[in-house]
Amino acid sequence: MSNCIDTISAEQTFVAPSLTWHNWLRAGKDLLVQDLVKLTDKIGEWSERDRARRHLMTSVDKRMLDDLAWSPATIIDEAVKPFWRE
């Protein structure tokens, strides 16, 4: 029976990167940038949703309702949703 250590070659061993303050700060900065990009995208999505709902509430007439096949109640239900809800 062979020893487990004999089955691992030197090329297969993993060396953990050095955990210096510089590496920690760089990783933290990268995570912060990613989170800020996600937040900016989400705020843009919310802003567009809010704008579309205000437009829906103010500029829909009878002809548009017929084209959409929506009732006035459906328009109101959609328009009063908070911007964060889909």
PDB file of N, CA and C in Angstrom:
ATOM      1  N   MET A   1       0.854  -1.163   0.000  1.00  0.00           N
ATOM      2  CA  MET A   1       0.000   0.000   0.000  1.00  0.00           C
ATOM      3  C   MET A   1       0.904   1.231   0.000  1.00  0.00           C
ATOM      4  N   SER A   2       0.531   2.212  -0.814  1.00  0.00           N
ATOM      5  CA  SER A   2       1.385   3.399  -0.901  1.00  0.00           C
ATOM      6  C   SER A   2       0.882   4.474   0.057  1.00  0.00           C
ATOM      7  N   ASN A   3       1.762   5.343   0.406  1.00  0.00           N
ATOM      8  CA  ASN A   3       1.455   6.464   1.285  1.00  0.00           C
ATOM      9  C   ASN A   3       0.765   7.558   0.474  1.00  0.00           C
ATOM     10  N   CYS A   4      -0.203   8.251   1.033  1.00  0.00           N
ATOM     11  CA  CYS A   4      -0.930   9.310   0.323  1.00  0.00           C
ATOM     12  C   CYS A   4      -0.001  10.430  -0.135  1.00  0.00           C
ATOM     13  N   ILE A   5       0.994  10.719   0.633  1.00  0.00           N
ATOM     14  CA  ILE A   5       1.908  11.802   0.291  1.00  0.00           C
ATOM     15  C   ILE A   5       2.668  11.473  -0.988  1.00  0.00           C
ATOM     16  N   ASP A   6       2.918  10.194  -1.252  1.00  0.00           N
ATOM     17  CA  ASP A   6       3.632   9.793  -2.458  1.00  0.00           C
ATOM     18  C   ASP A   6       2.822  10.051  -3.728  1.00  0.00           C
ATOM     19  N   THR A   7       1.501  10.209  -3.615  1.00  0.00           N
ATOM     20  CA  THR A   7       0.659  10.368  -4.803  1.00  0.00           C
ATOM     21  C   THR A   7       0.551  11.805  -5.270  1.00  0.00           C
ATOM     22  N   ILE A   8       1.052  12.771  -4.503  1.00  0.00           N
ATOM     23  CA  ILE A   8       0.966  14.182  -4.863  1.00  0.00           C
ATOM     24  C   ILE A   8       2.337  14.654  -5.321  1.00  0.00           C
ATOM     25  N   SER A   9       2.378  15.183  -6.539  1.00  0.00           N
ATOM     26  CA  SER A   9       3.661  15.684  -7.042  1.00  0.00           C
ATOM     27  C   SER A   9       3.848  17.128  -6.589  1.00  0.00           C
ATOM     28  N   ALA A  10       5.044  17.621  -6.736  1.00  0.00           N
ATOM     29  CA  ALA A  10       5.356  18.996  -6.317  1.00  0.00           C
ATOM     30  C   ALA A  10       4.587  20.012  -7.141  1.00  0.00           C
ATOM     31  N   GLU A  11       4.287  19.698  -8.409  1.00  0.00           N
ATOM     32  CA  GLU A  11       3.555  20.629  -9.269  1.00  0.00           C
ATOM     33  C   GLU A  11       2.095  20.780  -8.854  1.00  0.00           C
ATOM     34  N   GLN A  12       1.546  19.788  -8.153  1.00  0.00           N
ATOM     35  CA  GLN A  12       0.136  19.800  -7.791  1.00  0.00           C
ATOM     36  C   GLN A  12      -0.137  20.495  -6.465  1.00  0.00           C
ATOM     37  N   THR A  13       0.889  20.837  -5.738  1.00  0.00           N
ATOM     38  CA  THR A  13       0.664  21.464  -4.444  1.00  0.00           C
ATOM     39  C   THR A  13       0.219  22.902  -4.639  1.00  0.00           C
ATOM     40  N   PHE A  14      -0.636  23.360  -3.776  1.00  0.00           N
ATOM     41  CA  PHE A  14      -1.181  24.712  -3.846  1.00  0.00           C
ATOM     42  C   PHE A  14      -0.498  25.579  -2.806  1.00  0.00           C
ATOM     43  N   VAL A  15      -0.051  26.714  -3.253  1.00  0.00           N
ATOM     44  CA  VAL A  15       0.560  27.667  -2.336  1.00  0.00           C
ATOM     45  C   VAL A  15      -0.394  28.850  -2.225  1.00  0.00           C
ATOM     46  N   ALA A  16      -0.867  29.130  -1.036  1.00  0.00           N
ATOM     47  CA  ALA A  16      -1.793  30.238  -0.826  1.00  0.00           C
ATOM     48  C   ALA A  16      -1.069  31.563  -1.068  1.00  0.00           C
ATOM     49  N   PRO A  17      -1.766  32.531  -1.695  1.00  0.00           N
ATOM     50  CA  PRO A  17      -1.131  33.832  -1.896  1.00  0.00           C
ATOM     51  C   PRO A  17      -0.860  34.509  -0.561  1.00  0.00           C
ATOM     52  N   SER A  18       0.110  35.352  -0.579  1.00  0.00           N
ATOM     53  CA  SER A  18       0.480  36.067   0.636  1.00  0.00           C
ATOM     54  C   SER A  18      -0.640  37.023   1.037  1.00  0.00           C
ATOM     55  N   LEU A  19      -1.066  36.972   2.268  1.00  0.00           N
ATOM     56  CA  LEU A  19      -2.147  37.815   2.747  1.00  0.00           C
ATOM     57  C   LEU A  19      -1.562  39.082   3.367  1.00  0.00           C
ATOM     58  N   THR A  20      -1.110  39.961   2.502  1.00  0.00           N
ATOM     59  CA  THR A  20      -0.554  41.227   2.969  1.00  0.00           C
ATOM     60  C   THR A  20      -1.661  42.263   3.004  1.00  0.00           C
ATOM     61  N   TRP A  21      -1.387  43.391   3.671  1.00  0.00           N
ATOM     62  CA  TRP A  21      -2.366  44.483   3.702  1.00  0.00           C
ATOM     63  C   TRP A  21      -2.657  44.971   2.300  1.00  0.00           C
ATOM     64  N   HIS A  22      -1.652  45.007   1.460  1.00  0.00           N
ATOM     65  CA  HIS A  22      -1.843  45.455   0.082  1.00  0.00           C
ATOM     66  C   HIS A  22      -2.828  44.542  -0.653  1.00  0.00           C
ATOM     67  N   ASN A  23      -2.675  43.222  -0.477  1.00  0.00           N
ATOM     68  CA  ASN A  23      -3.599  42.283  -1.128  1.00  0.00           C
ATOM     69  C   ASN A  23      -5.016  42.412  -0.574  1.00  0.00           C
ATOM     70  N   TRP A  24      -5.119  42.587   0.743  1.00  0.00           N
ATOM     71  CA  TRP A  24      -6.447  42.774   1.359  1.00  0.00           C
ATOM     72  C   TRP A  24      -7.116  44.038   0.837  1.00  0.00           C
ATOM     73  N   LEU A  25      -6.373  45.129   0.775  1.00  0.00           N
ATOM     74  CA  LEU A  25      -6.938  46.394   0.300  1.00  0.00           C
ATOM     75  C   LEU A  25      -7.347  46.314  -1.155  1.00  0.00           C
ATOM     76  N   ARG A  26      -6.526  45.671  -1.970  1.00  0.00           N
ATOM     77  CA  ARG A  26      -6.862  45.540  -3.389  1.00  0.00           C
ATOM     78  C   ARG A  26      -8.131  44.704  -3.561  1.00  0.00           C
ATOM     79  N   ALA A  27      -8.231  43.602  -2.827  1.00  0.00           N
ATOM     80  CA  ALA A  27      -9.427  42.761  -2.909  1.00  0.00           C
ATOM     81  C   ALA A  27     -10.657  43.519  -2.421  1.00  0.00           C
ATOM     82  N   GLY A  28     -10.499  44.267  -1.331  1.00  0.00           N
ATOM     83  CA  GLY A  28     -11.616  45.061  -0.820  1.00  0.00           C
ATOM     84  C   GLY A  28     -12.049  46.130  -1.801  1.00  0.00           C
ATOM     85  N   LYS A  29     -11.092  46.776  -2.434  1.00  0.00           N
ATOM     86  CA  LYS A  29     -11.410  47.815  -3.424  1.00  0.00           C
ATOM     87  C   LYS A  29     -12.152  47.200  -4.611  1.00  0.00           C
ATOM     88  N   ASP A  30     -11.701  46.037  -5.066  1.00  0.00           N
ATOM     89  CA  ASP A  30     -12.362  45.372  -6.188  1.00  0.00           C
ATOM     90  C   ASP A  30     -13.807  45.009  -5.839  1.00  0.00           C
ATOM     91  N   LEU A  31     -14.025  44.509  -4.630  1.00  0.00           N
ATOM     92  CA  LEU A  31     -15.383  44.171  -4.197  1.00  0.00           C
ATOM     93  C   LEU A  31     -16.250  45.417  -4.082  1.00  0.00           C
ATOM     94  N   LEU A  32     -15.682  46.496  -3.583  1.00  0.00           N
ATOM     95  CA  LEU A  32     -16.421  47.750  -3.450  1.00  0.00           C
ATOM     96  C   LEU A  32     -16.826  48.285  -4.820  1.00  0.00           C
ATOM     97  N   VAL A  33     -15.917  48.239  -5.774  1.00  0.00           N
ATOM     98  CA  VAL A  33     -16.231  48.706  -7.128  1.00  0.00           C
ATOM     99  C   VAL A  33     -17.352  47.864  -7.728  1.00  0.00           C
ATOM    100  N   GLN A  34     -17.280  46.552  -7.558  1.00  0.00           N
ATOM    101  CA  GLN A  34     -18.337  45.678  -8.084  1.00  0.00           C
ATOM    102  C   GLN A  34     -19.685  46.014  -7.455  1.00  0.00           C
ATOM    103  N   ASP A  35     -19.699  46.233  -6.150  1.00  0.00           N
ATOM    104  CA  ASP A  35     -20.950  46.567  -5.461  1.00  0.00           C
ATOM    105  C   ASP A  35     -21.483  47.922  -5.912  1.00  0.00           C
ATOM    106  N   LEU A  36     -20.610  48.885  -6.136  1.00  0.00           N
ATOM    107  CA  LEU A  36     -21.053  50.201  -6.600  1.00  0.00           C
ATOM    108  C   LEU A  36     -21.632  50.135  -8.014  1.00  0.00           C
ATOM    109  N   VAL A  37     -21.054  49.307  -8.856  1.00  0.00           N
ATOM    110  CA  VAL A  37     -21.596  49.128 -10.206  1.00  0.00           C
ATOM    111  C   VAL A  37     -22.990  48.501 -10.131  1.00  0.00           C
ATOM    112  N   LYS A  38     -23.144  47.487  -9.288  1.00  0.00           N
ATOM    113  CA  LYS A  38     -24.459  46.849  -9.124  1.00  0.00           C
ATOM    114  C   LYS A  38     -25.484  47.845  -8.583  1.00  0.00           C
ATOM    115  N   LEU A  39     -25.075  48.651  -7.611  1.00  0.00           N
ATOM    116  CA  LEU A  39     -25.980  49.642  -7.030  1.00  0.00           C
ATOM    117  C   LEU A  39     -26.386  50.686  -8.067  1.00  0.00           C
ATOM    118  N   THR A  40     -25.430  51.145  -8.843  1.00  0.00           N
ATOM    119  CA  THR A  40     -25.730  52.126  -9.890  1.00  0.00           C
ATOM    120  C   THR A  40     -26.707  51.549 -10.908  1.00  0.00           C
ATOM    121  N   ASP A  41     -26.501  50.305 -11.304  1.00  0.00           N
ATOM    122  CA  ASP A  41     -27.423  49.654 -12.238  1.00  0.00           C
ATOM    123  C   ASP A  41     -28.820  49.545 -11.641  1.00  0.00           C
ATOM    124  N   LYS A  42     -28.898  49.179 -10.363  1.00  0.00           N
ATOM    125  CA  LYS A  42     -30.199  49.023  -9.706  1.00  0.00           C
ATOM    126  C   LYS A  42     -30.921  50.366  -9.603  1.00  0.00           C
ATOM    127  N   ILE A  43     -30.190  51.427  -9.265  1.00  0.00           N
ATOM    128  CA  ILE A  43     -30.800  52.754  -9.179  1.00  0.00           C
ATOM    129  C   ILE A  43     -31.312  53.192 -10.547  1.00  0.00           C
ATOM    130  N   GLY A  44     -30.560  52.903 -11.599  1.00  0.00           N
ATOM    131  CA  GLY A  44     -31.017  53.209 -12.953  1.00  0.00           C
ATOM    132  C   GLY A  44     -32.282  52.450 -13.313  1.00  0.00           C
ATOM    133  N   GLU A  45     -32.335  51.183 -12.931  1.00  0.00           N
ATOM    134  CA  GLU A  45     -33.530  50.364 -13.174  1.00  0.00           C
ATOM    135  C   GLU A  45     -34.732  50.930 -12.434  1.00  0.00           C
ATOM    136  N   TRP A  46     -34.534  51.295 -11.162  1.00  0.00           N
ATOM    137  CA  TRP A  46     -35.633  51.867 -10.376  1.00  0.00           C
ATOM    138  C   TRP A  46     -36.105  53.198 -10.962  1.00  0.00           C
ATOM    139  N   SER A  47     -35.162  54.011 -11.390  1.00  0.00           N
ATOM    140  CA  SER A  47     -35.504  55.315 -11.954  1.00  0.00           C
ATOM    141  C   SER A  47     -36.338  55.154 -13.224  1.00  0.00           C
ATOM    142  N   GLU A  48     -35.931  54.239 -14.079  1.00  0.00           N
ATOM    143  CA  GLU A  48     -36.673  53.990 -15.320  1.00  0.00           C
ATOM    144  C   GLU A  48     -38.069  53.447 -15.024  1.00  0.00           C
ATOM    145  N   ARG A  49     -38.158  52.555 -14.042  1.00  0.00           N
ATOM    146  CA  ARG A  49     -39.453  51.996 -13.673  1.00  0.00           C
ATOM    147  C   ARG A  49     -40.384  53.089 -13.136  1.00  0.00           C
ATOM    148  N   ASP A  50     -39.845  53.976 -12.294  1.00  0.00           N
ATOM    149  CA  ASP A  50     -40.635  55.073 -11.741  1.00  0.00           C
ATOM    150  C   ASP A  50     -41.104  56.024 -12.850  1.00  0.00           C
ATOM    151  N   ARG A  51     -40.193  56.347 -13.769  1.00  0.00           N
ATOM    152  CA  ARG A  51     -40.545  57.233 -14.879  1.00  0.00           C
ATOM    153  C   ARG A  51     -41.639  56.612 -15.745  1.00  0.00           C
ATOM    154  N   ALA A  52     -41.511  55.315 -16.043  1.00  0.00           N
ATOM    155  CA  ALA A  52     -42.500  54.641 -16.877  1.00  0.00           C
ATOM    156  C   ALA A  52     -43.869  54.595 -16.196  1.00  0.00           C
ATOM    157  N   ARG A  53     -43.879  54.403 -14.888  1.00  0.00           N
ATOM    158  CA  ARG A  53     -45.158  54.346 -14.173  1.00  0.00           C
ATOM    159  C   ARG A  53     -45.816  55.723 -14.102  1.00  0.00           C
ATOM    160  N   ARG A  54     -45.021  56.769 -13.906  1.00  0.00           N
ATOM    161  CA  ARG A  54     -45.600  58.120 -13.917  1.00  0.00           C
ATOM    162  C   ARG A  54     -46.152  58.457 -15.294  1.00  0.00           C
ATOM    163  N   HIS A  55     -45.434  58.060 -16.325  1.00  0.00           N
ATOM    164  CA  HIS A  55     -45.895  58.288 -17.696  1.00  0.00           C
ATOM    165  C   HIS A  55     -47.186  57.510 -17.958  1.00  0.00           C
ATOM    166  N   LEU A  56     -47.244  56.295 -17.495  1.00  0.00           N
ATOM    167  CA  LEU A  56     -48.430  55.468 -17.658  1.00  0.00           C
ATOM    168  C   LEU A  56     -49.642  56.119 -17.003  1.00  0.00           C
ATOM    169  N   MET A  57     -49.440  56.663 -15.820  1.00  0.00           N
ATOM    170  CA  MET A  57     -50.543  57.263 -15.065  1.00  0.00           C
ATOM    171  C   MET A  57     -51.046  58.554 -15.716  1.00  0.00           C
ATOM    172  N   THR A  58     -50.153  59.306 -16.321  1.00  0.00           N
ATOM    173  CA  THR A  58     -50.552  60.633 -16.818  1.00  0.00           C
ATOM    174  C   THR A  58     -50.929  60.677 -18.284  1.00  0.00           C
ATOM    175  N   SER A  59     -50.482  59.736 -19.092  1.00  0.00           N
ATOM    176  CA  SER A  59     -50.677  59.917 -20.528  1.00  0.00           C
ATOM    177  C   SER A  59     -51.417  58.786 -21.228  1.00  0.00           C
ATOM    178  N   VAL A  60     -52.087  57.940 -20.485  1.00  0.00           N
ATOM    179  CA  VAL A  60     -52.845  56.859 -21.117  1.00  0.00           C
ATOM    180  C   VAL A  60     -54.278  57.328 -21.341  1.00  0.00           C
ATOM    181  N   ASP A  61     -54.712  57.198 -22.597  1.00  0.00           N
ATOM    182  CA  ASP A  61     -56.096  57.558 -22.911  1.00  0.00           C
ATOM    183  C   ASP A  61     -56.875  56.288 -23.281  1.00  0.00           C
ATOM    184  N   LYS A  62     -58.131  56.464 -23.631  1.00  0.00           N
ATOM    185  CA  LYS A  62     -59.023  55.332 -23.917  1.00  0.00           C
ATOM    186  C   LYS A  62     -58.489  54.483 -25.065  1.00  0.00           C
ATOM    187  N   ARG A  63     -57.964  55.122 -26.098  1.00  0.00           N
ATOM    188  CA  ARG A  63     -57.449  54.382 -27.253  1.00  0.00           C
ATOM    189  C   ARG A  63     -56.253  53.509 -26.854  1.00  0.00           C
ATOM    190  N   MET A  64     -55.378  54.061 -26.021  1.00  0.00           N
ATOM    191  CA  MET A  64     -54.218  53.295 -25.571  1.00  0.00           C
ATOM    192  C   MET A  64     -54.644  52.131 -24.686  1.00  0.00           C
ATOM    193  N   LEU A  65     -55.647  52.354 -23.848  1.00  0.00           N
ATOM    194  CA  LEU A  65     -56.161  51.261 -23.016  1.00  0.00           C
ATOM    195  C   LEU A  65     -56.674  50.116 -23.880  1.00  0.00           C
ATOM    196  N   ASP A  66     -57.375  50.470 -24.956  1.00  0.00           N
ATOM    197  CA  ASP A  66     -57.882  49.437 -25.864  1.00  0.00           C
ATOM    198  C   ASP A  66     -56.729  48.694 -26.541  1.00  0.00           C
ATOM    199  N   ASP A  67     -55.681  49.432 -26.934  1.00  0.00           N
ATOM    200  CA  ASP A  67     -54.516  48.797 -27.567  1.00  0.00           C
ATOM    201  C   ASP A  67     -53.809  47.847 -26.596  1.00  0.00           C
ATOM    202  N   LEU A  68     -53.700  48.249 -25.338  1.00  0.00           N
ATOM    203  CA  LEU A  68     -53.027  47.428 -24.341  1.00  0.00           C
ATOM    204  C   LEU A  68     -53.904  46.297 -23.813  1.00  0.00           C
ATOM    205  N   ALA A  69     -55.198  46.425 -24.036  1.00  0.00           N
ATOM    206  CA  ALA A  69     -56.195  45.489 -23.500  1.00  0.00           C
ATOM    207  C   ALA A  69     -56.145  45.486 -21.972  1.00  0.00           C
ATOM    208  N   TRP A  70     -55.967  46.673 -21.404  1.00  0.00           N
ATOM    209  CA  TRP A  70     -55.960  46.859 -19.953  1.00  0.00           C
ATOM    210  C   TRP A  70     -57.167  47.687 -19.551  1.00  0.00           C
ATOM    211  N   SER A  71     -57.620  47.443 -18.348  1.00  0.00           N
ATOM    212  CA  SER A  71     -58.703  48.268 -17.805  1.00  0.00           C
ATOM    213  C   SER A  71     -58.079  49.440 -17.052  1.00  0.00           C
ATOM    214  N   PRO A  72     -58.868  50.485 -16.794  1.00  0.00           N
ATOM    215  CA  PRO A  72     -58.338  51.590 -15.984  1.00  0.00           C
ATOM    216  C   PRO A  72     -57.842  51.123 -14.609  1.00  0.00           C
ATOM    217  N   ALA A  73     -58.501  50.136 -14.026  1.00  0.00           N
ATOM    218  CA  ALA A  73     -58.073  49.616 -12.723  1.00  0.00           C
ATOM    219  C   ALA A  73     -56.695  48.962 -12.814  1.00  0.00           C
ATOM    220  N   THR A  74     -56.436  48.270 -13.908  1.00  0.00           N
ATOM    221  CA  THR A  74     -55.127  47.647 -14.098  1.00  0.00           C
ATOM    222  C   THR A  74     -54.039  48.705 -14.215  1.00  0.00           C
ATOM    223  N   ILE A  75     -54.331  49.778 -14.933  1.00  0.00           N
ATOM    224  CA  ILE A  75     -53.377  50.893 -15.064  1.00  0.00           C
ATOM    225  C   ILE A  75     -53.076  51.490 -13.686  1.00  0.00           C
ATOM    226  N   ILE A  76     -54.099  51.714 -12.913  1.00  0.00           N
ATOM    227  CA  ILE A  76     -53.908  52.302 -11.580  1.00  0.00           C
ATOM    228  C   ILE A  76     -53.116  51.352 -10.694  1.00  0.00           C
ATOM    229  N   ASP A  77     -53.460  50.055 -10.733  1.00  0.00           N
ATOM    230  CA  ASP A  77     -52.719  49.073  -9.931  1.00  0.00           C
ATOM    231  C   ASP A  77     -51.235  49.077 -10.282  1.00  0.00           C
ATOM    232  N   GLU A  78     -50.935  49.173 -11.557  1.00  0.00           N
ATOM    233  CA  GLU A  78     -49.533  49.180 -11.995  1.00  0.00           C
ATOM    234  C   GLU A  78     -48.853  50.498 -11.632  1.00  0.00           C
ATOM    235  N   ALA A  79     -49.555  51.595 -11.787  1.00  0.00           N
ATOM    236  CA  ALA A  79     -48.953  52.916 -11.576  1.00  0.00           C
ATOM    237  C   ALA A  79     -48.673  53.216 -10.107  1.00  0.00           C
ATOM    238  N   VAL A  80     -49.417  52.632  -9.201  1.00  0.00           N
ATOM    239  CA  VAL A  80     -49.207  52.940  -7.786  1.00  0.00           C
ATOM    240  C   VAL A  80     -48.213  52.004  -7.097  1.00  0.00           C
ATOM    241  N   LYS A  81     -47.684  51.038  -7.825  1.00  0.00           N
ATOM    242  CA  LYS A  81     -46.666  50.154  -7.247  1.00  0.00           C
ATOM    243  C   LYS A  81     -45.429  50.968  -6.891  1.00  0.00           C
ATOM    244  N   PRO A  82     -44.756  50.630  -5.817  1.00  0.00           N
ATOM    245  CA  PRO A  82     -43.487  51.297  -5.493  1.00  0.00           C
ATOM    246  C   PRO A  82     -42.440  50.982  -6.568  1.00  0.00           C
ATOM    247  N   PHE A  83     -41.505  51.876  -6.733  1.00  0.00           N
ATOM    248  CA  PHE A  83     -40.503  51.725  -7.804  1.00  0.00           C
ATOM    249  C   PHE A  83     -39.642  50.472  -7.655  1.00  0.00           C
ATOM    250  N   TRP A  84     -39.537  49.932  -6.459  1.00  0.00           N
ATOM    251  CA  TRP A  84     -38.667  48.768  -6.269  1.00  0.00           C
ATOM    252  C   TRP A  84     -39.353  47.452  -6.597  1.00  0.00           C
ATOM    253  N   ARG A  85     -40.667  47.484  -6.824  1.00  0.00           N
ATOM    254  CA  ARG A  85     -41.385  46.255  -7.193  1.00  0.00           C
ATOM    255  C   ARG A  85     -41.502  46.148  -8.694  1.00  0.00           C
ATOM    256  N   GLU A  86     -41.367  44.915  -9.176  1.00  0.00           N
ATOM    257  CA  GLU A  86     -41.523  44.695 -10.622  1.00  0.00           C
ATOM    258  C   GLU A  86     -42.963  44.593 -10.996  1.00  0.00           C
TER     259      GLU A  86
END
